[in-house]
Amino acid sequence: MTHRIPVQTQAYACMLGGKDRKTLFIATSGNTMRSGKIEIVQVDIPGAGLP
């Protein structure tokens, strides 16, 4: 592990994407079904390959 990315609630999945594959999409959720969201962070190193 090289970095930690703070999120507002609990993260349960993530994936790099975007045009340059430097956008990290983090799926998060809280205590209710309506509290889920996708948080987005720009990173320095792009993803490689396909999921």
PDB file of N, CA and C in Angstrom:
ATOM      1  N   MET A   1       0.845  -1.157   0.000  1.00  0.00           N
ATOM      2  CA  MET A   1       0.000   0.000   0.000  1.00  0.00           C
ATOM      3  C   MET A   1       0.903   1.235   0.000  1.00  0.00           C
ATOM      4  N   THR A   2       0.613   2.168  -0.898  1.00  0.00           N
ATOM      5  CA  THR A   2       1.418   3.383  -0.983  1.00  0.00           C
ATOM      6  C   THR A   2       0.647   4.636  -0.578  1.00  0.00           C
ATOM      7  N   HIS A   3      -0.683   4.610  -0.715  1.00  0.00           N
ATOM      8  CA  HIS A   3      -1.490   5.782  -0.383  1.00  0.00           C
ATOM      9  C   HIS A   3      -2.809   5.349   0.253  1.00  0.00           C
ATOM     10  N   ARG A   4      -3.386   6.243   1.020  1.00  0.00           N
ATOM     11  CA  ARG A   4      -4.741   6.074   1.546  1.00  0.00           C
ATOM     12  C   ARG A   4      -5.562   7.239   1.048  1.00  0.00           C
ATOM     13  N   ILE A   5      -6.756   6.960   0.575  1.00  0.00           N
ATOM     14  CA  ILE A   5      -7.647   7.998   0.067  1.00  0.00           C
ATOM     15  C   ILE A   5      -8.841   8.086   1.002  1.00  0.00           C
ATOM     16  N   PRO A   6      -9.009   9.213   1.669  1.00  0.00           N
ATOM     17  CA  PRO A   6     -10.146   9.346   2.584  1.00  0.00           C
ATOM     18  C   PRO A   6     -11.459   9.441   1.816  1.00  0.00           C
ATOM     19  N   VAL A   7     -12.487   8.763   2.326  1.00  0.00           N
ATOM     20  CA  VAL A   7     -13.832   8.838   1.752  1.00  0.00           C
ATOM     21  C   VAL A   7     -14.799   9.236   2.856  1.00  0.00           C
ATOM     22  N   GLN A   8     -15.997   9.677   2.469  1.00  0.00           N
ATOM     23  CA  GLN A   8     -16.948  10.176   3.443  1.00  0.00           C
ATOM     24  C   GLN A   8     -17.616   9.071   4.257  1.00  0.00           C
ATOM     25  N   THR A   9     -17.797   7.890   3.674  1.00  0.00           N
ATOM     26  CA  THR A   9     -18.423   6.774   4.394  1.00  0.00           C
ATOM     27  C   THR A   9     -17.536   5.543   4.227  1.00  0.00           C
ATOM     28  N   GLN A  10     -18.090   4.367   4.000  1.00  0.00           N
ATOM     29  CA  GLN A  10     -17.301   3.144   3.856  1.00  0.00           C
ATOM     30  C   GLN A  10     -17.147   2.768   2.389  1.00  0.00           C
ATOM     31  N   ALA A  11     -15.918   2.552   1.956  1.00  0.00           N
ATOM     32  CA  ALA A  11     -15.647   2.117   0.589  1.00  0.00           C
ATOM     33  C   ALA A  11     -15.773   0.606   0.494  1.00  0.00           C
ATOM     34  N   TYR A  12     -16.378   0.111  -0.618  1.00  0.00           N
ATOM     35  CA  TYR A  12     -16.468  -1.339  -0.797  1.00  0.00           C
ATOM     36  C   TYR A  12     -16.021  -1.794  -2.174  1.00  0.00           C
ATOM     37  N   ALA A  13     -15.757  -0.887  -3.106  1.00  0.00           N
ATOM     38  CA  ALA A  13     -15.246  -1.271  -4.429  1.00  0.00           C
ATOM     39  C   ALA A  13     -14.617  -0.042  -5.075  1.00  0.00           C
ATOM     40  N   CYS A  14     -13.644  -0.274  -5.957  1.00  0.00           N
ATOM     41  CA  CYS A  14     -13.047   0.845  -6.684  1.00  0.00           C
ATOM     42  C   CYS A  14     -12.539   0.356  -8.036  1.00  0.00           C
ATOM     43  N   MET A  15     -12.361   1.333  -8.951  1.00  0.00           N
ATOM     44  CA  MET A  15     -11.886   1.007 -10.297  1.00  0.00           C
ATOM     45  C   MET A  15     -11.308   2.256 -10.933  1.00  0.00           C
ATOM     46  N   LEU A  16     -10.196   2.095 -11.662  1.00  0.00           N
ATOM     47  CA  LEU A  16      -9.626   3.203 -12.420  1.00  0.00           C
ATOM     48  C   LEU A  16     -10.293   3.281 -13.779  1.00  0.00           C
ATOM     49  N   GLY A  17     -10.577   4.485 -14.228  1.00  0.00           N
ATOM     50  CA  GLY A  17     -11.217   4.660 -15.523  1.00  0.00           C
ATOM     51  C   GLY A  17     -10.983   6.070 -16.039  1.00  0.00           C
ATOM     52  N   GLY A  18     -11.873   6.520 -16.897  1.00  0.00           N
ATOM     53  CA  GLY A  18     -11.726   7.825 -17.516  1.00  0.00           C
ATOM     54  C   GLY A  18     -10.908   7.725 -18.779  1.00  0.00           C
ATOM     55  N   LYS A  19     -10.822   8.825 -19.481  1.00  0.00           N
ATOM     56  CA  LYS A  19     -10.127   8.845 -20.771  1.00  0.00           C
ATOM     57  C   LYS A  19      -8.658   8.450 -20.644  1.00  0.00           C
ATOM     58  N   ASP A  20      -7.996   8.939 -19.601  1.00  0.00           N
ATOM     59  CA  ASP A  20      -6.573   8.638 -19.408  1.00  0.00           C
ATOM     60  C   ASP A  20      -6.335   7.567 -18.338  1.00  0.00           C
ATOM     61  N   ARG A  21      -7.399   6.958 -17.827  1.00  0.00           N
ATOM     62  CA  ARG A  21      -7.364   5.908 -16.797  1.00  0.00           C
ATOM     63  C   ARG A  21      -6.711   6.383 -15.505  1.00  0.00           C
ATOM     64  N   LYS A  22      -6.832   7.700 -15.220  1.00  0.00           N
ATOM     65  CA  LYS A  22      -6.312   8.272 -13.985  1.00  0.00           C
ATOM     66  C   LYS A  22      -7.428   8.754 -13.065  1.00  0.00           C
ATOM     67  N   THR A  23      -8.646   8.332 -13.331  1.00  0.00           N
ATOM     68  CA  THR A  23      -9.778   8.677 -12.480  1.00  0.00           C
ATOM     69  C   THR A  23     -10.147   7.450 -11.661  1.00  0.00           C
ATOM     70  N   LEU A  24     -10.074   7.592 -10.346  1.00  0.00           N
ATOM     71  CA  LEU A  24     -10.420   6.491  -9.454  1.00  0.00           C
ATOM     72  C   LEU A  24     -11.863   6.671  -9.006  1.00  0.00           C
ATOM     73  N   PHE A  25     -12.707   5.703  -9.342  1.00  0.00           N
ATOM     74  CA  PHE A  25     -14.111   5.697  -8.945  1.00  0.00           C
ATOM     75  C   PHE A  25     -14.226   4.783  -7.723  1.00  0.00           C
ATOM     76  N   ILE A  26     -14.730   5.320  -6.622  1.00  0.00           N
ATOM     77  CA  ILE A  26     -14.836   4.564  -5.375  1.00  0.00           C
ATOM     78  C   ILE A  26     -16.307   4.451  -4.990  1.00  0.00           C
ATOM     79  N   ALA A  27     -16.818   3.230  -4.919  1.00  0.00           N
ATOM     80  CA  ALA A  27     -18.201   2.995  -4.494  1.00  0.00           C
ATOM     81  C   ALA A  27     -18.226   2.985  -2.966  1.00  0.00           C
ATOM     82  N   THR A  28     -19.071   3.844  -2.383  1.00  0.00           N
ATOM     83  CA  THR A  28     -19.166   3.942  -0.926  1.00  0.00           C
ATOM     84  C   THR A  28     -20.619   3.817  -0.486  1.00  0.00           C
ATOM     85  N   SER A  29     -20.803   3.475   0.779  1.00  0.00           N
ATOM     86  CA  SER A  29     -22.155   3.422   1.327  1.00  0.00           C
ATOM     87  C   SER A  29     -22.113   3.696   2.818  1.00  0.00           C
ATOM     88  N   GLY A  30     -23.250   4.143   3.324  1.00  0.00           N
ATOM     89  CA  GLY A  30     -23.379   4.400   4.753  1.00  0.00           C
ATOM     90  C   GLY A  30     -24.315   3.394   5.376  1.00  0.00           C
ATOM     91  N   ASN A  31     -25.136   3.855   6.306  1.00  0.00           N
ATOM     92  CA  ASN A  31     -26.023   2.959   7.040  1.00  0.00           C
ATOM     93  C   ASN A  31     -27.361   2.710   6.360  1.00  0.00           C
ATOM     94  N   THR A  32     -27.724   3.506   5.355  1.00  0.00           N
ATOM     95  CA  THR A  32     -29.011   3.325   4.688  1.00  0.00           C
ATOM     96  C   THR A  32     -28.797   3.028   3.216  1.00  0.00           C
ATOM     97  N   MET A  33     -29.829   2.494   2.566  1.00  0.00           N
ATOM     98  CA  MET A  33     -29.731   2.164   1.136  1.00  0.00           C
ATOM     99  C   MET A  33     -29.538   3.415   0.289  1.00  0.00           C
ATOM    100  N   ARG A  34     -30.056   4.547   0.717  1.00  0.00           N
ATOM    101  CA  ARG A  34     -29.964   5.781  -0.070  1.00  0.00           C
ATOM    102  C   ARG A  34     -28.680   6.565   0.169  1.00  0.00           C
ATOM    103  N   SER A  35     -27.811   6.062   1.004  1.00  0.00           N
ATOM    104  CA  SER A  35     -26.585   6.796   1.299  1.00  0.00           C
ATOM    105  C   SER A  35     -25.421   6.385   0.391  1.00  0.00           C
ATOM    106  N   GLY A  36     -25.628   5.439  -0.508  1.00  0.00           N
ATOM    107  CA  GLY A  36     -24.573   5.001  -1.411  1.00  0.00           C
ATOM    108  C   GLY A  36     -24.257   6.041  -2.463  1.00  0.00           C
ATOM    109  N   LYS A  37     -22.985   6.107  -2.858  1.00  0.00           N
ATOM    110  CA  LYS A  37     -22.584   7.034  -3.912  1.00  0.00           C
ATOM    111  C   LYS A  37     -21.251   6.605  -4.505  1.00  0.00           C
ATOM    112  N   ILE A  38     -20.873   7.262  -5.593  1.00  0.00           N
ATOM    113  CA  ILE A  38     -19.576   7.056  -6.225  1.00  0.00           C
ATOM    114  C   ILE A  38     -18.741   8.304  -5.945  1.00  0.00           C
ATOM    115  N   GLU A  39     -17.637   8.127  -5.266  1.00  0.00           N
ATOM    116  CA  GLU A  39     -16.718   9.232  -5.025  1.00  0.00           C
ATOM    117  C   GLU A  39     -15.611   9.154  -6.073  1.00  0.00           C
ATOM    118  N   ILE A  40     -15.147  10.302  -6.547  1.00  0.00           N
ATOM    119  CA  ILE A  40     -14.193  10.352  -7.659  1.00  0.00           C
ATOM    120  C   ILE A  40     -12.940  11.099  -7.220  1.00  0.00           C
ATOM    121  N   VAL A  41     -11.767  10.509  -7.530  1.00  0.00           N
ATOM    122  CA  VAL A  41     -10.478  11.094  -7.181  1.00  0.00           C
ATOM    123  C   VAL A  41      -9.558  10.973  -8.389  1.00  0.00           C
ATOM    124  N   GLN A  42      -8.800  12.021  -8.686  1.00  0.00           N
ATOM    125  CA  GLN A  42      -7.796  11.958  -9.739  1.00  0.00           C
ATOM    126  C   GLN A  42      -6.499  11.426  -9.132  1.00  0.00           C
ATOM    127  N   VAL A  43      -5.841  10.494  -9.822  1.00  0.00           N
ATOM    128  CA  VAL A  43      -4.602   9.887  -9.336  1.00  0.00           C
ATOM    129  C   VAL A  43      -3.465  10.178 -10.308  1.00  0.00           C
ATOM    130  N   ASP A  44      -2.234   9.951  -9.870  1.00  0.00           N
ATOM    131  CA  ASP A  44      -1.058  10.258 -10.701  1.00  0.00           C
ATOM    132  C   ASP A  44      -0.706   9.157 -11.691  1.00  0.00           C
ATOM    133  N   ILE A  45      -0.944   7.906 -11.312  1.00  0.00           N
ATOM    134  CA  ILE A  45      -0.516   6.767 -12.140  1.00  0.00           C
ATOM    135  C   ILE A  45      -1.737   6.108 -12.757  1.00  0.00           C
ATOM    136  N   PRO A  46      -1.782   5.952 -14.084  1.00  0.00           N
ATOM    137  CA  PRO A  46      -2.957   5.361 -14.737  1.00  0.00           C
ATOM    138  C   PRO A  46      -3.064   3.867 -14.512  1.00  0.00           C
ATOM    139  N   GLY A  47      -4.275   3.363 -14.687  1.00  0.00           N
ATOM    140  CA  GLY A  47      -4.521   1.930 -14.618  1.00  0.00           C
ATOM    141  C   GLY A  47      -3.943   1.241 -15.840  1.00  0.00           C
ATOM    142  N   ALA A  48      -3.684  -0.058 -15.724  1.00  0.00           N
ATOM    143  CA  ALA A  48      -3.145  -0.840 -16.837  1.00  0.00           C
ATOM    144  C   ALA A  48      -4.073  -2.012 -17.104  1.00  0.00           C
ATOM    145  N   GLY A  49      -4.345  -2.289 -18.349  1.00  0.00           N
ATOM    146  CA  GLY A  49      -5.190  -3.419 -18.701  1.00  0.00           C
ATOM    147  C   GLY A  49      -6.655  -3.144 -18.446  1.00  0.00           C
ATOM    148  N   LEU A  50      -7.444  -4.185 -18.557  1.00  0.00           N
ATOM    149  CA  LEU A  50      -8.884  -4.087 -18.321  1.00  0.00           C
ATOM    150  C   LEU A  50      -9.251  -4.910 -17.095  1.00  0.00           C
ATOM    151  N   PRO A  51     -10.337  -4.514 -16.411  1.00  0.00           N
ATOM    152  CA  PRO A  51     -10.713  -5.273 -15.215  1.00  0.00           C
ATOM    153  C   PRO A  51     -11.176  -6.679 -15.543  1.00  0.00           C
TER     154      PRO A  51
END
